[in-house]
Amino acid sequence: PWTERALRECKGAQAFFSSGIDTLAAQDPSVQ
């Protein structure tokens, strides 16, 4: 179960560090 959770979090990280970061970065183009 801990391994499966880590794998799910890896999938979640893919979403956050792609489209999620892009959404956040739109608040300040200078740091985008």
PDB file of all heavy atoms in Angstrom:
ATOM      1  N   PRO A   1       0.809  -1.227   0.000  1.00  0.00           N
ATOM      2  CA  PRO A   1       0.000   0.000   0.000  1.00  0.00           C
ATOM      3  C   PRO A   1       0.841   1.275   0.000  1.00  0.00           C
ATOM      4  O   PRO A   1       0.450   2.272  -0.616  1.00  0.00           O
ATOM      5  CB  PRO A   1      -0.829  -0.127   1.290  1.00  0.00           C
ATOM      6  CG  PRO A   1      -0.919  -1.596   1.534  1.00  0.00           C
ATOM      7  CD  PRO A   1       0.409  -2.133   1.095  1.00  0.00           C
ATOM      8  N   TRP A   2       1.990   1.254   0.687  1.00  0.00           N
ATOM      9  CA  TRP A   2       2.850   2.441   0.694  1.00  0.00           C
ATOM     10  C   TRP A   2       3.478   2.662  -0.675  1.00  0.00           C
ATOM     11  O   TRP A   2       3.627   3.795  -1.129  1.00  0.00           O
ATOM     12  CB  TRP A   2       3.936   2.305   1.755  1.00  0.00           C
ATOM     13  CG  TRP A   2       3.417   2.420   3.151  1.00  0.00           C
ATOM     14  CD1 TRP A   2       2.128   2.680   3.537  1.00  0.00           C
ATOM     15  CD2 TRP A   2       4.176   2.278   4.355  1.00  0.00           C
ATOM     16  NE1 TRP A   2       2.043   2.700   4.902  1.00  0.00           N
ATOM     17  CE2 TRP A   2       3.275   2.466   5.438  1.00  0.00           C
ATOM     18  CE3 TRP A   2       5.502   2.004   4.625  1.00  0.00           C
ATOM     19  CZ2 TRP A   2       3.681   2.384   6.768  1.00  0.00           C
ATOM     20  CZ3 TRP A   2       5.914   1.933   5.956  1.00  0.00           C
ATOM     21  CH2 TRP A   2       5.016   2.124   7.003  1.00  0.00           C
ATOM     22  N   THR A   3       3.847   1.550  -1.333  1.00  0.00           N
ATOM     23  CA  THR A   3       4.410   1.662  -2.681  1.00  0.00           C
ATOM     24  C   THR A   3       3.358   2.177  -3.658  1.00  0.00           C
ATOM     25  O   THR A   3       3.641   3.043  -4.502  1.00  0.00           O
ATOM     26  CB  THR A   3       4.939   0.301  -3.146  1.00  0.00           C
ATOM     27  OG1 THR A   3       5.900  -0.168  -2.197  1.00  0.00           O
ATOM     28  CG2 THR A   3       5.593   0.398  -4.514  1.00  0.00           C
ATOM     29  N   GLU A   4       2.137   1.654  -3.549  1.00  0.00           N
ATOM     30  CA  GLU A   4       1.061   2.104  -4.432  1.00  0.00           C
ATOM     31  C   GLU A   4       0.751   3.577  -4.213  1.00  0.00           C
ATOM     32  O   GLU A   4       0.489   4.317  -5.163  1.00  0.00           O
ATOM     33  CB  GLU A   4      -0.189   1.252  -4.210  1.00  0.00           C
ATOM     34  CG  GLU A   4      -0.030  -0.186  -4.698  1.00  0.00           C
ATOM     35  CD  GLU A   4      -1.205  -1.064  -4.337  1.00  0.00           C
ATOM     36  OE1 GLU A   4      -1.923  -0.736  -3.347  1.00  0.00           O
ATOM     37  OE2 GLU A   4      -1.415  -2.084  -5.015  1.00  0.00           O
ATOM     38  N   ARG A   5       0.800   4.006  -2.947  1.00  0.00           N
ATOM     39  CA  ARG A   5       0.570   5.428  -2.675  1.00  0.00           C
ATOM     40  C   ARG A   5       1.658   6.278  -3.306  1.00  0.00           C
ATOM     41  O   ARG A   5       1.374   7.320  -3.914  1.00  0.00           O
ATOM     42  CB  ARG A   5       0.524   5.676  -1.168  1.00  0.00           C
ATOM     43  CG  ARG A   5       0.393   7.149  -0.819  1.00  0.00           C
ATOM     44  CD  ARG A   5       0.251   7.388   0.662  1.00  0.00           C
ATOM     45  NE  ARG A   5       0.287   8.815   0.965  1.00  0.00           N
ATOM     46  CZ  ARG A   5       0.037   9.326   2.163  1.00  0.00           C
ATOM     47  NH1 ARG A   5      -0.261   8.529   3.171  1.00  0.00           N
ATOM     48  NH2 ARG A   5       0.100  10.632   2.359  1.00  0.00           N
ATOM     49  N   ALA A   6       2.906   5.846  -3.183  1.00  0.00           N
ATOM     50  CA  ALA A   6       4.002   6.603  -3.782  1.00  0.00           C
ATOM     51  C   ALA A   6       3.834   6.707  -5.294  1.00  0.00           C
ATOM     52  O   ALA A   6       4.084   7.759  -5.890  1.00  0.00           O
ATOM     53  CB  ALA A   6       5.344   5.955  -3.438  1.00  0.00           C
ATOM     54  N   LEU A   7       3.396   5.617  -5.925  1.00  0.00           N
ATOM     55  CA  LEU A   7       3.182   5.636  -7.374  1.00  0.00           C
ATOM     56  C   LEU A   7       2.056   6.592  -7.750  1.00  0.00           C
ATOM     57  O   LEU A   7       2.154   7.318  -8.750  1.00  0.00           O
ATOM     58  CB  LEU A   7       2.888   4.223  -7.874  1.00  0.00           C
ATOM     59  CG  LEU A   7       4.096   3.278  -7.882  1.00  0.00           C
ATOM     60  CD1 LEU A   7       3.646   1.840  -8.097  1.00  0.00           C
ATOM     61  CD2 LEU A   7       5.084   3.699  -8.968  1.00  0.00           C
ATOM     62  N   ARG A   8       0.978   6.595  -6.948  1.00  0.00           N
ATOM     63  CA  ARG A   8      -0.111   7.549  -7.221  1.00  0.00           C
ATOM     64  C   ARG A   8       0.383   8.981  -7.082  1.00  0.00           C
ATOM     65  O   ARG A   8       0.012   9.860  -7.876  1.00  0.00           O
ATOM     66  CB  ARG A   8      -1.282   7.307  -6.259  1.00  0.00           C
ATOM     67  CG  ARG A   8      -2.069   6.032  -6.514  1.00  0.00           C
ATOM     68  CD  ARG A   8      -3.402   6.059  -5.781  1.00  0.00           C
ATOM     69  NE  ARG A   8      -3.246   6.224  -4.334  1.00  0.00           N
ATOM     70  CZ  ARG A   8      -3.089   5.218  -3.473  1.00  0.00           C
ATOM     71  NH1 ARG A   8      -3.053   3.964  -3.920  1.00  0.00           N
ATOM     72  NH2 ARG A   8      -2.982   5.450  -2.182  1.00  0.00           N
ATOM     73  N   GLU A   9       1.220   9.210  -6.090  1.00  0.00           N
ATOM     74  CA  GLU A   9       1.731  10.565  -5.892  1.00  0.00           C
ATOM     75  C   GLU A   9       2.685  10.969  -7.011  1.00  0.00           C
ATOM     76  O   GLU A   9       2.773  12.146  -7.359  1.00  0.00           O
ATOM     77  CB  GLU A   9       2.383  10.672  -4.513  1.00  0.00           C
ATOM     78  CG  GLU A   9       1.348  10.610  -3.397  1.00  0.00           C
ATOM     79  CD  GLU A   9       1.923  10.678  -2.002  1.00  0.00           C
ATOM     80  OE1 GLU A   9       3.149  10.468  -1.827  1.00  0.00           O
ATOM     81  OE2 GLU A   9       1.141  10.930  -1.063  1.00  0.00           O
ATOM     82  N   CYS A  10       3.398  10.007  -7.584  1.00  0.00           N
ATOM     83  CA  CYS A  10       4.220  10.317  -8.758  1.00  0.00           C
ATOM     84  C   CYS A  10       3.332  10.776  -9.909  1.00  0.00           C
ATOM     85  O   CYS A  10       3.691  11.716 -10.649  1.00  0.00           O
ATOM     86  CB  CYS A  10       5.040   9.096  -9.171  1.00  0.00           C
ATOM     87  SG  CYS A  10       6.458   8.751  -8.094  1.00  0.00           S
ATOM     88  N   LYS A  11       2.188  10.127 -10.082  1.00  0.00           N
ATOM     89  CA  LYS A  11       1.257  10.549 -11.140  1.00  0.00           C
ATOM     90  C   LYS A  11       0.711  11.942 -10.845  1.00  0.00           C
ATOM     91  O   LYS A  11       0.601  12.794 -11.744  1.00  0.00           O
ATOM     92  CB  LYS A  11       0.100   9.547 -11.252  1.00  0.00           C
ATOM     93  CG  LYS A  11       0.501   8.166 -11.731  1.00  0.00           C
ATOM     94  CD  LYS A  11       1.048   8.203 -13.145  1.00  0.00           C
ATOM     95  CE  LYS A  11       1.346   6.795 -13.646  1.00  0.00           C
ATOM     96  NZ  LYS A  11       2.015   6.804 -14.984  1.00  0.00           N
ATOM     97  N   GLY A  12       0.356  12.184  -9.581  1.00  0.00           N
ATOM     98  CA  GLY A  12      -0.128  13.508  -9.218  1.00  0.00           C
ATOM     99  C   GLY A  12       0.929  14.577  -9.433  1.00  0.00           C
ATOM    100  O   GLY A  12       0.622  15.699  -9.859  1.00  0.00           O
ATOM    101  N   ALA A  13       2.180  14.224  -9.149  1.00  0.00           N
ATOM    102  CA  ALA A  13       3.279  15.173  -9.345  1.00  0.00           C
ATOM    103  C   ALA A  13       3.419  15.551 -10.811  1.00  0.00           C
ATOM    104  O   ALA A  13       3.742  16.706 -11.135  1.00  0.00           O
ATOM    105  CB  ALA A  13       4.584  14.574  -8.828  1.00  0.00           C
ATOM    106  N   GLN A  14       3.171  14.604 -11.697  1.00  0.00           N
ATOM    107  CA  GLN A  14       3.265  14.905 -13.129  1.00  0.00           C
ATOM    108  C   GLN A  14       2.270  15.990 -13.517  1.00  0.00           C
ATOM    109  O   GLN A  14       2.587  16.878 -14.316  1.00  0.00           O
ATOM    110  CB  GLN A  14       3.025  13.634 -13.937  1.00  0.00           C
ATOM    111  CG  GLN A  14       4.135  12.601 -13.803  1.00  0.00           C
ATOM    112  CD  GLN A  14       3.792  11.284 -14.477  1.00  0.00           C
ATOM    113  OE1 GLN A  14       2.819  11.201 -15.236  1.00  0.00           O
ATOM    114  NE2 GLN A  14       4.575  10.255 -14.203  1.00  0.00           N
ATOM    115  N   ALA A  15       1.074  15.924 -12.934  1.00  0.00           N
ATOM    116  CA  ALA A  15       0.070  16.950 -13.238  1.00  0.00           C
ATOM    117  C   ALA A  15       0.449  18.281 -12.596  1.00  0.00           C
ATOM    118  O   ALA A  15       0.375  19.339 -13.237  1.00  0.00           O
ATOM    119  CB  ALA A  15      -1.301  16.493 -12.744  1.00  0.00           C
ATOM    120  N   PHE A  16       0.876  18.234 -11.338  1.00  0.00           N
ATOM    121  CA  PHE A  16       1.172  19.482 -10.636  1.00  0.00           C
ATOM    122  C   PHE A  16       2.356  20.207 -11.246  1.00  0.00           C
ATOM    123  O   PHE A  16       2.321  21.440 -11.427  1.00  0.00           O
ATOM    124  CB  PHE A  16       1.426  19.212  -9.156  1.00  0.00           C
ATOM    125  CG  PHE A  16       1.848  20.433  -8.387  1.00  0.00           C
ATOM    126  CD1 PHE A  16       0.985  21.513  -8.260  1.00  0.00           C
ATOM    127  CD2 PHE A  16       3.106  20.519  -7.822  1.00  0.00           C
ATOM    128  CE1 PHE A  16       1.363  22.649  -7.561  1.00  0.00           C
ATOM    129  CE2 PHE A  16       3.493  21.650  -7.125  1.00  0.00           C
ATOM    130  CZ  PHE A  16       2.620  22.725  -6.993  1.00  0.00           C
ATOM    131  N   PHE A  17       3.425  19.474 -11.560  1.00  0.00           N
ATOM    132  CA  PHE A  17       4.633  20.129 -12.060  1.00  0.00           C
ATOM    133  C   PHE A  17       4.575  20.426 -13.562  1.00  0.00           C
ATOM    134  O   PHE A  17       5.524  20.974 -14.109  1.00  0.00           O
ATOM    135  CB  PHE A  17       5.862  19.295 -11.716  1.00  0.00           C
ATOM    136  CG  PHE A  17       6.183  19.289 -10.246  1.00  0.00           C
ATOM    137  CD1 PHE A  17       6.029  18.139  -9.494  1.00  0.00           C
ATOM    138  CD2 PHE A  17       6.605  20.441  -9.610  1.00  0.00           C
ATOM    139  CE1 PHE A  17       6.302  18.126  -8.133  1.00  0.00           C
ATOM    140  CE2 PHE A  17       6.873  20.452  -8.253  1.00  0.00           C
ATOM    141  CZ  PHE A  17       6.721  19.288  -7.507  1.00  0.00           C
ATOM    142  N   SER A  18       3.470  20.081 -14.193  1.00  0.00           N
ATOM    143  CA  SER A  18       3.278  20.488 -15.592  1.00  0.00           C
ATOM    144  C   SER A  18       2.222  21.589 -15.634  1.00  0.00           C
ATOM    145  O   SER A  18       2.533  22.772 -15.497  1.00  0.00           O
ATOM    146  CB  SER A  18       2.894  19.286 -16.461  1.00  0.00           C
ATOM    147  OG  SER A  18       1.760  18.609 -15.925  1.00  0.00           O
ATOM    148  N   SER A  19       0.950  21.234 -15.773  1.00  0.00           N
ATOM    149  CA  SER A  19      -0.093  22.253 -15.903  1.00  0.00           C
ATOM    150  C   SER A  19      -0.286  23.050 -14.617  1.00  0.00           C
ATOM    151  O   SER A  19      -0.618  24.247 -14.667  1.00  0.00           O
ATOM    152  CB  SER A  19      -1.409  21.596 -16.322  1.00  0.00           C
ATOM    153  OG  SER A  19      -1.818  20.635 -15.365  1.00  0.00           O
ATOM    154  N   GLY A  20      -0.083  22.413 -13.456  1.00  0.00           N
ATOM    155  CA  GLY A  20      -0.267  23.121 -12.193  1.00  0.00           C
ATOM    156  C   GLY A  20       0.705  24.273 -12.033  1.00  0.00           C
ATOM    157  O   GLY A  20       0.312  25.387 -11.662  1.00  0.00           O
ATOM    158  N   ILE A  21       1.957  24.028 -12.301  1.00  0.00           N
ATOM    159  CA  ILE A  21       2.962  25.091 -12.199  1.00  0.00           C
ATOM    160  C   ILE A  21       2.712  26.174 -13.244  1.00  0.00           C
ATOM    161  O   ILE A  21       2.882  27.372 -12.972  1.00  0.00           O
ATOM    162  CB  ILE A  21       4.381  24.512 -12.339  1.00  0.00           C
ATOM    163  CG1 ILE A  21       4.756  23.714 -11.088  1.00  0.00           C
ATOM    164  CG2 ILE A  21       5.404  25.616 -12.599  1.00  0.00           C
ATOM    165  CD1 ILE A  21       4.892  24.554  -9.826  1.00  0.00           C
ATOM    166  N   ASP A  22       2.290  25.770 -14.428  1.00  0.00           N
ATOM    167  CA  ASP A  22       2.001  26.766 -15.461  1.00  0.00           C
ATOM    168  C   ASP A  22       0.869  27.698 -15.023  1.00  0.00           C
ATOM    169  O   ASP A  22       0.913  28.911 -15.281  1.00  0.00           O
ATOM    170  CB  ASP A  22       1.630  26.080 -16.770  1.00  0.00           C
ATOM    171  CG  ASP A  22       2.831  25.416 -17.444  1.00  0.00           C
ATOM    172  OD1 ASP A  22       3.977  25.802 -17.130  1.00  0.00           O
ATOM    173  OD2 ASP A  22       2.612  24.518 -18.275  1.00  0.00           O
ATOM    174  N   THR A  23      -0.150  27.138 -14.376  1.00  0.00           N
ATOM    175  CA  THR A  23      -1.262  27.952 -13.877  1.00  0.00           C
ATOM    176  C   THR A  23      -0.778  28.931 -12.824  1.00  0.00           C
ATOM    177  O   THR A  23      -1.137  30.119 -12.834  1.00  0.00           O
ATOM    178  CB  THR A  23      -2.365  27.059 -13.297  1.00  0.00           C
ATOM    179  OG1 THR A  23      -2.867  26.192 -14.327  1.00  0.00           O
ATOM    180  CG2 THR A  23      -3.508  27.892 -12.735  1.00  0.00           C
ATOM    181  N   LEU A  24       0.049  28.453 -11.893  1.00  0.00           N
ATOM    182  CA  LEU A  24       0.596  29.333 -10.865  1.00  0.00           C
ATOM    183  C   LEU A  24       1.487  30.412 -11.476  1.00  0.00           C
ATOM    184  O   LEU A  24       1.417  31.580 -11.098  1.00  0.00           O
ATOM    185  CB  LEU A  24       1.402  28.511  -9.853  1.00  0.00           C
ATOM    186  CG  LEU A  24       0.604  27.663  -8.869  1.00  0.00           C
ATOM    187  CD1 LEU A  24       1.535  26.700  -8.133  1.00  0.00           C
ATOM    188  CD2 LEU A  24      -0.126  28.555  -7.868  1.00  0.00           C
ATOM    189  N   ALA A  25       2.332  30.011 -12.415  1.00  0.00           N
ATOM    190  CA  ALA A  25       3.304  30.948 -12.998  1.00  0.00           C
ATOM    191  C   ALA A  25       2.631  32.073 -13.750  1.00  0.00           C
ATOM    192  O   ALA A  25       3.218  33.167 -13.896  1.00  0.00           O
ATOM    193  CB  ALA A  25       4.246  30.189 -13.925  1.00  0.00           C
ATOM    194  N   ALA A  26       1.403  31.859 -14.214  1.00  0.00           N
ATOM    195  CA  ALA A  26       0.694  32.900 -14.959  1.00  0.00           C
ATOM    196  C   ALA A  26       0.431  34.137 -14.103  1.00  0.00           C
ATOM    197  O   ALA A  26       0.168  35.222 -14.632  1.00  0.00           O
ATOM    198  CB  ALA A  26      -0.621  32.346 -15.499  1.00  0.00           C
ATOM    199  N   GLN A  27       0.535  33.998 -12.775  1.00  0.00           N
ATOM    200  CA  GLN A  27       0.309  35.147 -11.892  1.00  0.00           C
ATOM    201  C   GLN A  27       1.420  36.190 -12.020  1.00  0.00           C
ATOM    202  O   GLN A  27       1.205  37.358 -11.699  1.00  0.00           O
ATOM    203  CB  GLN A  27       0.229  34.681 -10.434  1.00  0.00           C
ATOM    204  CG  GLN A  27      -0.921  33.741 -10.139  1.00  0.00           C
ATOM    205  CD  GLN A  27      -0.967  33.366  -8.671  1.00  0.00           C
ATOM    206  OE1 GLN A  27      -0.915  34.229  -7.791  1.00  0.00           O
ATOM    207  NE2 GLN A  27      -1.061  32.079  -8.392  1.00  0.00           N
ATOM    208  N   ASP A  28       2.603  35.764 -12.446  1.00  0.00           N
ATOM    209  CA  ASP A  28       3.736  36.701 -12.529  1.00  0.00           C
ATOM    210  C   ASP A  28       4.628  36.286 -13.694  1.00  0.00           C
ATOM    211  O   ASP A  28       5.513  35.438 -13.540  1.00  0.00           O
ATOM    212  CB  ASP A  28       4.521  36.689 -11.217  1.00  0.00           C
ATOM    213  CG  ASP A  28       5.613  37.755 -11.196  1.00  0.00           C
ATOM    214  OD1 ASP A  28       5.956  38.302 -12.256  1.00  0.00           O
ATOM    215  OD2 ASP A  28       6.138  38.024 -10.098  1.00  0.00           O
ATOM    216  N   PRO A  29       4.423  36.849 -14.870  1.00  0.00           N
ATOM    217  CA  PRO A  29       5.206  36.466 -16.037  1.00  0.00           C
ATOM    218  C   PRO A  29       6.712  36.610 -15.840  1.00  0.00           C
ATOM    219  O   PRO A  29       7.494  35.927 -16.502  1.00  0.00           O
ATOM    220  CB  PRO A  29       4.690  37.408 -17.131  1.00  0.00           C
ATOM    221  CG  PRO A  29       3.304  37.765 -16.690  1.00  0.00           C
ATOM    222  CD  PRO A  29       3.369  37.832 -15.203  1.00  0.00           C
ATOM    223  N   SER A  30       7.141  37.474 -14.933  1.00  0.00           N
ATOM    224  CA  SER A  30       8.571  37.698 -14.761  1.00  0.00           C
ATOM    225  C   SER A  30       9.286  36.467 -14.200  1.00  0.00           C
ATOM    226  O   SER A  30      10.487  36.294 -14.427  1.00  0.00           O
ATOM    227  CB  SER A  30       8.823  38.898 -13.842  1.00  0.00           C
ATOM    228  OG  SER A  30       8.443  38.608 -12.499  1.00  0.00           O
ATOM    229  N   VAL A  31       8.568  35.621 -13.462  1.00  0.00           N
ATOM    230  CA  VAL A  31       9.193  34.415 -12.890  1.00  0.00           C
ATOM    231  C   VAL A  31       8.780  33.154 -13.631  1.00  0.00           C
ATOM    232  O   VAL A  31       9.231  32.064 -13.301  1.00  0.00           O
ATOM    233  CB  VAL A  31       8.853  34.272 -11.386  1.00  0.00           C
ATOM    234  CG1 VAL A  31       9.369  35.460 -10.605  1.00  0.00           C
ATOM    235  CG2 VAL A  31       7.356  34.093 -11.176  1.00  0.00           C
ATOM    236  N   GLN A  32       7.933  33.322 -14.646  1.00  0.00           N
ATOM    237  CA  GLN A  32       7.404  32.159 -15.349  1.00  0.00           C
ATOM    238  C   GLN A  32       8.498  31.273 -15.961  1.00  0.00           C
ATOM    239  O   GLN A  32       8.467  30.038 -15.781  1.00  0.00           O
ATOM    240  CB  GLN A  32       6.419  32.609 -16.426  1.00  0.00           C
ATOM    241  CG  GLN A  32       5.606  31.471 -17.033  1.00  0.00           C
ATOM    242  CD  GLN A  32       4.441  32.007 -17.860  1.00  0.00           C
ATOM    243  OE1 GLN A  32       4.348  33.215 -18.129  1.00  0.00           O
ATOM    244  NE2 GLN A  32       3.535  31.125 -18.246  1.00  0.00           N
TER     245      GLN A  32
END
